Amino acid sequence: MGTAASSGFTSETLRSGIEGNSAANLLSLYADDAEIRVVDRNSQPSHPKVVHGRDEIGAMLDDVYSRDMTHKLEQCVVDGDHVAFSESCLYSDGVRVLSESMLTLRDGKIVEQTMIQAWDE
């Protein structure tokens, strides 16, 4: 496996993707065979929501980025082929969302992501 440093993946490329105004930049960071596991109040740890491949990930990101909200990368640690980061989101009505993610990279592309998220209710 190539490392993040040698492949060009950095916290700034992740920031650009997350804080951009469309899903396209963030989607470009995922490998074709990537998988995202989401744990939240609707998808418990024993039965997480699993999204497979760039097509499904793209549809999920298109939905998220079509909403009236902002996204901010709060903290990010890149260690070889592993990345941990915190993201905060704010809907226009004031509802806040916080997520924590762990990524695995292959040749500078995200191949696995586990995301735990919580939002105001």
N, C-alpha and C. Protein backbone atom coordinates (compact mmCIF):
# COMPACT_ATOMS: atom_id res chain seq x y z
N MET A 1 0.83 -1.19 0.00
CA MET A 1 0.00 0.00 0.00
C MET A 1 0.87 1.25 0.00
N GLY A 2 0.48 2.24 -0.78
CA GLY A 2 1.16 3.52 -0.74
C GLY A 2 0.71 4.31 0.47
N THR A 3 1.53 5.24 0.90
CA THR A 3 1.16 6.02 2.07
C THR A 3 0.47 7.31 1.65
N ALA A 4 -0.21 7.91 2.61
CA ALA A 4 -0.91 9.17 2.33
C ALA A 4 0.07 10.24 1.90
N ALA A 5 1.22 10.31 2.56
CA ALA A 5 2.19 11.35 2.24
C ALA A 5 2.69 11.23 0.81
N SER A 6 2.93 10.02 0.35
CA SER A 6 3.46 9.85 -1.00
C SER A 6 2.38 9.97 -2.07
N SER A 7 1.12 9.91 -1.68
CA SER A 7 0.04 9.92 -2.65
C SER A 7 -0.62 11.27 -2.81
N GLY A 8 -0.28 12.23 -1.94
CA GLY A 8 -0.88 13.54 -2.04
C GLY A 8 -2.09 13.76 -1.15
N PHE A 9 -2.56 12.73 -0.44
CA PHE A 9 -3.68 12.91 0.48
C PHE A 9 -3.17 13.65 1.71
N THR A 10 -3.78 14.79 2.04
CA THR A 10 -3.41 15.56 3.21
C THR A 10 -4.67 16.03 3.92
N SER A 11 -4.49 16.58 5.10
CA SER A 11 -5.64 17.15 5.80
C SER A 11 -6.23 18.30 5.00
N GLU A 12 -5.41 19.00 4.22
CA GLU A 12 -5.93 20.11 3.42
C GLU A 12 -6.77 19.62 2.23
N THR A 13 -6.40 18.49 1.62
CA THR A 13 -7.25 17.96 0.55
C THR A 13 -8.58 17.50 1.12
N LEU A 14 -8.55 16.93 2.33
CA LEU A 14 -9.79 16.53 2.98
C LEU A 14 -10.62 17.76 3.34
N ARG A 15 -9.97 18.79 3.89
CA ARG A 15 -10.69 20.03 4.23
C ARG A 15 -11.37 20.62 3.00
N SER A 16 -10.65 20.68 1.90
CA SER A 16 -11.21 21.23 0.67
C SER A 16 -12.44 20.44 0.23
N GLY A 17 -12.37 19.12 0.32
CA GLY A 17 -13.50 18.29 -0.06
C GLY A 17 -14.70 18.48 0.86
N ILE A 18 -14.46 18.48 2.17
CA ILE A 18 -15.54 18.60 3.14
C ILE A 18 -16.16 19.98 3.12
N GLU A 19 -15.34 21.01 3.08
CA GLU A 19 -15.86 22.37 3.21
C GLU A 19 -16.29 22.98 1.88
N GLY A 20 -16.14 22.23 0.79
CA GLY A 20 -16.59 22.70 -0.52
C GLY A 20 -18.11 22.78 -0.58
N ASN A 21 -18.61 23.32 -1.66
CA ASN A 21 -20.06 23.51 -1.77
C ASN A 21 -20.75 22.45 -2.63
N SER A 22 -20.02 21.37 -2.97
CA SER A 22 -20.64 20.28 -3.71
C SER A 22 -20.03 18.96 -3.29
N ALA A 23 -20.69 17.90 -3.62
CA ALA A 23 -20.22 16.56 -3.26
C ALA A 23 -19.06 16.11 -4.14
N ALA A 24 -18.88 16.69 -5.31
CA ALA A 24 -17.92 16.20 -6.29
C ALA A 24 -16.49 16.18 -5.76
N ASN A 25 -16.06 17.25 -5.11
CA ASN A 25 -14.68 17.30 -4.61
C ASN A 25 -14.44 16.24 -3.55
N LEU A 26 -15.38 16.06 -2.65
CA LEU A 26 -15.22 15.05 -1.61
C LEU A 26 -15.27 13.65 -2.22
N LEU A 27 -16.17 13.42 -3.14
CA LEU A 27 -16.28 12.11 -3.78
C LEU A 27 -14.99 11.73 -4.50
N SER A 28 -14.27 12.69 -5.03
CA SER A 28 -13.03 12.40 -5.75
C SER A 28 -11.96 11.79 -4.85
N LEU A 29 -12.12 11.87 -3.55
CA LEU A 29 -11.15 11.31 -2.60
C LEU A 29 -11.37 9.82 -2.34
N TYR A 30 -12.49 9.27 -2.82
CA TYR A 30 -12.84 7.87 -2.55
C TYR A 30 -12.42 6.96 -3.71
N ALA A 31 -11.94 5.77 -3.36
CA ALA A 31 -11.64 4.74 -4.36
C ALA A 31 -12.95 4.19 -4.93
N ASP A 32 -12.89 3.58 -6.10
CA ASP A 32 -14.08 3.02 -6.73
C ASP A 32 -14.76 1.97 -5.86
N ASP A 33 -13.98 1.22 -5.08
CA ASP A 33 -14.53 0.14 -4.26
C ASP A 33 -14.66 0.51 -2.78
N ALA A 34 -14.70 1.80 -2.48
CA ALA A 34 -14.76 2.26 -1.10
C ALA A 34 -16.06 1.82 -0.41
N GLU A 35 -15.99 1.81 0.92
CA GLU A 35 -17.15 1.46 1.74
C GLU A 35 -17.21 2.40 2.93
N ILE A 36 -18.42 2.90 3.23
CA ILE A 36 -18.65 3.74 4.39
C ILE A 36 -19.63 3.03 5.31
N ARG A 37 -19.27 2.95 6.59
CA ARG A 37 -20.18 2.45 7.62
C ARG A 37 -20.58 3.63 8.50
N VAL A 38 -21.89 3.84 8.66
CA VAL A 38 -22.40 4.97 9.43
C VAL A 38 -23.12 4.43 10.67
N VAL A 39 -22.74 4.97 11.82
CA VAL A 39 -23.39 4.62 13.08
C VAL A 39 -24.01 5.91 13.63
N ASP A 40 -25.30 5.86 13.93
CA ASP A 40 -26.00 6.99 14.52
C ASP A 40 -27.25 6.46 15.23
N ARG A 41 -28.16 7.34 15.59
CA ARG A 41 -29.34 6.89 16.34
C ARG A 41 -30.24 5.97 15.51
N ASN A 42 -30.16 6.06 14.20
CA ASN A 42 -30.98 5.22 13.33
C ASN A 42 -30.28 3.93 12.90
N SER A 43 -28.97 3.94 12.94
CA SER A 43 -28.17 2.79 12.51
C SER A 43 -27.20 2.44 13.63
N GLN A 44 -27.63 1.53 14.47
CA GLN A 44 -26.89 1.16 15.67
C GLN A 44 -25.61 0.40 15.32
N PRO A 45 -24.64 0.33 16.25
CA PRO A 45 -23.36 -0.32 15.96
C PRO A 45 -23.48 -1.77 15.46
N SER A 46 -24.47 -2.51 15.94
CA SER A 46 -24.60 -3.90 15.49
C SER A 46 -25.22 -4.01 14.10
N HIS A 47 -25.82 -2.93 13.61
CA HIS A 47 -26.43 -2.91 12.27
C HIS A 47 -26.19 -1.54 11.62
N PRO A 48 -24.92 -1.21 11.34
CA PRO A 48 -24.66 0.12 10.76
C PRO A 48 -25.19 0.22 9.33
N LYS A 49 -25.42 1.45 8.92
CA LYS A 49 -25.74 1.69 7.51
C LYS A 49 -24.44 1.51 6.74
N VAL A 50 -24.45 0.72 5.68
CA VAL A 50 -23.25 0.47 4.88
C VAL A 50 -23.51 0.94 3.46
N VAL A 51 -22.62 1.77 2.97
CA VAL A 51 -22.71 2.32 1.62
C VAL A 51 -21.50 1.80 0.85
N HIS A 52 -21.74 1.14 -0.28
CA HIS A 52 -20.68 0.49 -1.06
C HIS A 52 -20.44 1.21 -2.37
N GLY A 53 -19.19 1.46 -2.70
CA GLY A 53 -18.80 1.94 -4.02
C GLY A 53 -19.07 3.41 -4.25
N ARG A 54 -18.38 3.96 -5.23
CA ARG A 54 -18.49 5.39 -5.52
C ARG A 54 -19.89 5.82 -5.94
N ASP A 55 -20.65 4.96 -6.62
CA ASP A 55 -22.00 5.35 -7.03
C ASP A 55 -22.89 5.58 -5.82
N GLU A 56 -22.90 4.62 -4.88
CA GLU A 56 -23.73 4.77 -3.68
C GLU A 56 -23.21 5.89 -2.79
N ILE A 57 -21.88 6.01 -2.66
CA ILE A 57 -21.31 7.09 -1.86
C ILE A 57 -21.65 8.43 -2.50
N GLY A 58 -21.56 8.52 -3.82
CA GLY A 58 -21.91 9.75 -4.52
C GLY A 58 -23.36 10.15 -4.28
N ALA A 59 -24.27 9.18 -4.31
CA ALA A 59 -25.69 9.48 -4.06
C ALA A 59 -25.88 9.99 -2.64
N MET A 60 -25.19 9.37 -1.67
CA MET A 60 -25.30 9.81 -0.28
C MET A 60 -24.75 11.24 -0.14
N LEU A 61 -23.58 11.50 -0.73
CA LEU A 61 -22.99 12.83 -0.63
C LEU A 61 -23.81 13.88 -1.37
N ASP A 62 -24.38 13.52 -2.52
CA ASP A 62 -25.25 14.46 -3.24
C ASP A 62 -26.43 14.87 -2.36
N ASP A 63 -27.01 13.90 -1.64
CA ASP A 63 -28.12 14.20 -0.73
C ASP A 63 -27.66 15.16 0.36
N VAL A 64 -26.54 14.87 0.99
CA VAL A 64 -26.04 15.71 2.08
C VAL A 64 -25.73 17.12 1.59
N TYR A 65 -25.04 17.22 0.46
CA TYR A 65 -24.62 18.54 -0.02
C TYR A 65 -25.75 19.31 -0.71
N SER A 66 -26.91 18.69 -0.89
CA SER A 66 -28.07 19.42 -1.43
C SER A 66 -28.82 20.16 -0.32
N ARG A 67 -28.47 19.89 0.92
CA ARG A 67 -29.15 20.51 2.06
C ARG A 67 -28.55 21.88 2.35
N ASP A 68 -29.36 22.73 2.98
CA ASP A 68 -28.93 24.08 3.33
C ASP A 68 -28.14 24.01 4.64
N MET A 69 -26.84 23.69 4.50
CA MET A 69 -25.99 23.54 5.67
C MET A 69 -24.54 23.80 5.32
N THR A 70 -23.74 24.05 6.34
CA THR A 70 -22.30 24.22 6.14
C THR A 70 -21.57 23.06 6.81
N HIS A 71 -20.37 22.79 6.33
CA HIS A 71 -19.53 21.70 6.83
C HIS A 71 -18.17 22.27 7.18
N LYS A 72 -17.62 21.83 8.31
CA LYS A 72 -16.31 22.31 8.72
C LYS A 72 -15.47 21.15 9.25
N LEU A 73 -14.27 21.02 8.73
CA LEU A 73 -13.32 20.05 9.26
C LEU A 73 -12.71 20.67 10.51
N GLU A 74 -12.95 20.07 11.65
CA GLU A 74 -12.48 20.62 12.92
C GLU A 74 -11.06 20.19 13.23
N GLN A 75 -10.80 18.89 13.21
CA GLN A 75 -9.48 18.35 13.50
C GLN A 75 -9.23 17.18 12.58
N CYS A 76 -7.96 16.96 12.26
CA CYS A 76 -7.61 15.85 11.37
C CYS A 76 -6.20 15.38 11.70
N VAL A 77 -6.04 14.07 11.78
CA VAL A 77 -4.73 13.46 11.99
C VAL A 77 -4.52 12.45 10.87
N VAL A 78 -3.43 12.60 10.13
CA VAL A 78 -3.06 11.66 9.07
C VAL A 78 -1.82 10.91 9.55
N ASP A 79 -1.91 9.58 9.58
CA ASP A 79 -0.79 8.74 10.00
C ASP A 79 -0.64 7.61 9.01
N GLY A 80 0.22 7.80 8.02
CA GLY A 80 0.39 6.79 6.98
C GLY A 80 -0.90 6.61 6.21
N ASP A 81 -1.44 5.40 6.22
CA ASP A 81 -2.67 5.08 5.49
C ASP A 81 -3.92 5.16 6.37
N HIS A 82 -3.82 5.86 7.49
CA HIS A 82 -4.97 6.00 8.40
C HIS A 82 -5.19 7.47 8.70
N VAL A 83 -6.46 7.85 8.76
CA VAL A 83 -6.84 9.24 9.00
C VAL A 83 -7.98 9.23 10.02
N ALA A 84 -7.91 10.15 10.98
CA ALA A 84 -9.00 10.37 11.93
C ALA A 84 -9.38 11.85 11.84
N PHE A 85 -10.68 12.13 11.82
CA PHE A 85 -11.08 13.53 11.77
C PHE A 85 -12.44 13.77 12.42
N SER A 86 -12.63 15.03 12.82
CA SER A 86 -13.90 15.52 13.38
C SER A 86 -14.47 16.52 12.39
N GLU A 87 -15.76 16.43 12.17
CA GLU A 87 -16.46 17.35 11.27
C GLU A 87 -17.68 17.90 11.99
N SER A 88 -17.91 19.20 11.87
CA SER A 88 -19.12 19.80 12.41
C SER A 88 -19.92 20.39 11.26
N CYS A 89 -21.23 20.30 11.39
CA CYS A 89 -22.14 20.82 10.37
C CYS A 89 -23.20 21.67 11.04
N LEU A 90 -23.68 22.65 10.31
CA LEU A 90 -24.71 23.54 10.83
C LEU A 90 -25.76 23.76 9.76
N TYR A 91 -27.01 23.36 10.08
CA TYR A 91 -28.14 23.63 9.20
C TYR A 91 -28.55 25.09 9.34
N SER A 92 -29.21 25.62 8.35
CA SER A 92 -29.62 27.03 8.37
C SER A 92 -30.59 27.34 9.51
N ASP A 93 -31.31 26.32 10.01
CA ASP A 93 -32.24 26.54 11.13
C ASP A 93 -31.57 26.41 12.50
N GLY A 94 -30.24 26.23 12.51
CA GLY A 94 -29.51 26.16 13.77
C GLY A 94 -29.20 24.76 14.28
N VAL A 95 -29.77 23.73 13.65
CA VAL A 95 -29.49 22.36 14.07
C VAL A 95 -28.03 22.03 13.77
N ARG A 96 -27.35 21.44 14.75
CA ARG A 96 -25.93 21.08 14.60
C ARG A 96 -25.76 19.57 14.50
N VAL A 97 -24.73 19.18 13.75
CA VAL A 97 -24.37 17.78 13.59
C VAL A 97 -22.86 17.68 13.86
N LEU A 98 -22.48 16.62 14.57
CA LEU A 98 -21.06 16.35 14.81
C LEU A 98 -20.79 14.93 14.39
N SER A 99 -19.69 14.74 13.64
CA SER A 99 -19.30 13.39 13.26
C SER A 99 -17.81 13.19 13.49
N GLU A 100 -17.48 11.95 13.80
CA GLU A 100 -16.10 11.50 13.98
C GLU A 100 -15.90 10.37 13.00
N SER A 101 -14.79 10.39 12.26
CA SER A 101 -14.53 9.36 11.26
C SER A 101 -13.12 8.82 11.37
N MET A 102 -13.01 7.54 11.03
CA MET A 102 -11.73 6.87 10.84
C MET A 102 -11.69 6.41 9.39
N LEU A 103 -10.59 6.69 8.70
CA LEU A 103 -10.43 6.31 7.30
C LEU A 103 -9.24 5.37 7.14
N THR A 104 -9.35 4.51 6.14
CA THR A 104 -8.21 3.74 5.67
C THR A 104 -7.99 4.14 4.23
N LEU A 105 -6.73 4.41 3.87
CA LEU A 105 -6.37 4.83 2.52
C LEU A 105 -5.63 3.71 1.80
N ARG A 106 -5.80 3.70 0.49
CA ARG A 106 -5.01 2.84 -0.39
C ARG A 106 -4.59 3.71 -1.57
N ASP A 107 -3.31 3.85 -1.77
CA ASP A 107 -2.79 4.69 -2.86
C ASP A 107 -3.41 6.09 -2.83
N GLY A 108 -3.59 6.63 -1.63
CA GLY A 108 -4.09 7.99 -1.49
C GLY A 108 -5.58 8.18 -1.63
N LYS A 109 -6.33 7.10 -1.78
CA LYS A 109 -7.78 7.17 -1.90
C LYS A 109 -8.41 6.51 -0.69
N ILE A 110 -9.56 7.00 -0.27
CA ILE A 110 -10.29 6.42 0.86
C ILE A 110 -10.91 5.11 0.41
N VAL A 111 -10.62 4.03 1.13
CA VAL A 111 -11.21 2.72 0.83
C VAL A 111 -12.17 2.27 1.92
N GLU A 112 -11.98 2.74 3.14
CA GLU A 112 -12.88 2.41 4.24
C GLU A 112 -13.08 3.65 5.11
N GLN A 113 -14.32 3.84 5.54
CA GLN A 113 -14.63 4.92 6.47
C GLN A 113 -15.65 4.40 7.45
N THR A 114 -15.39 4.64 8.72
CA THR A 114 -16.38 4.40 9.75
C THR A 114 -16.69 5.76 10.36
N MET A 115 -17.98 6.15 10.31
CA MET A 115 -18.41 7.45 10.79
C MET A 115 -19.45 7.27 11.90
N ILE A 116 -19.22 7.97 13.00
CA ILE A 116 -20.20 8.02 14.08
C ILE A 116 -20.70 9.46 14.12
N GLN A 117 -22.02 9.62 14.06
CA GLN A 117 -22.57 10.97 13.99
C GLN A 117 -23.73 11.15 14.97
N ALA A 118 -23.86 12.38 15.42
CA ALA A 118 -24.96 12.76 16.32
C ALA A 118 -25.41 14.15 15.92
N TRP A 119 -26.70 14.42 16.12
CA TRP A 119 -27.23 15.72 15.77
C TRP A 119 -28.24 16.18 16.81
N ASP A 120 -28.48 17.50 16.84
CA ASP A 120 -29.49 18.06 17.74
C ASP A 120 -30.85 17.51 17.38
N GLU A 121 -31.64 17.29 18.40
CA GLU A 121 -33.01 16.83 18.16
C GLU A 121 -33.99 17.68 18.92
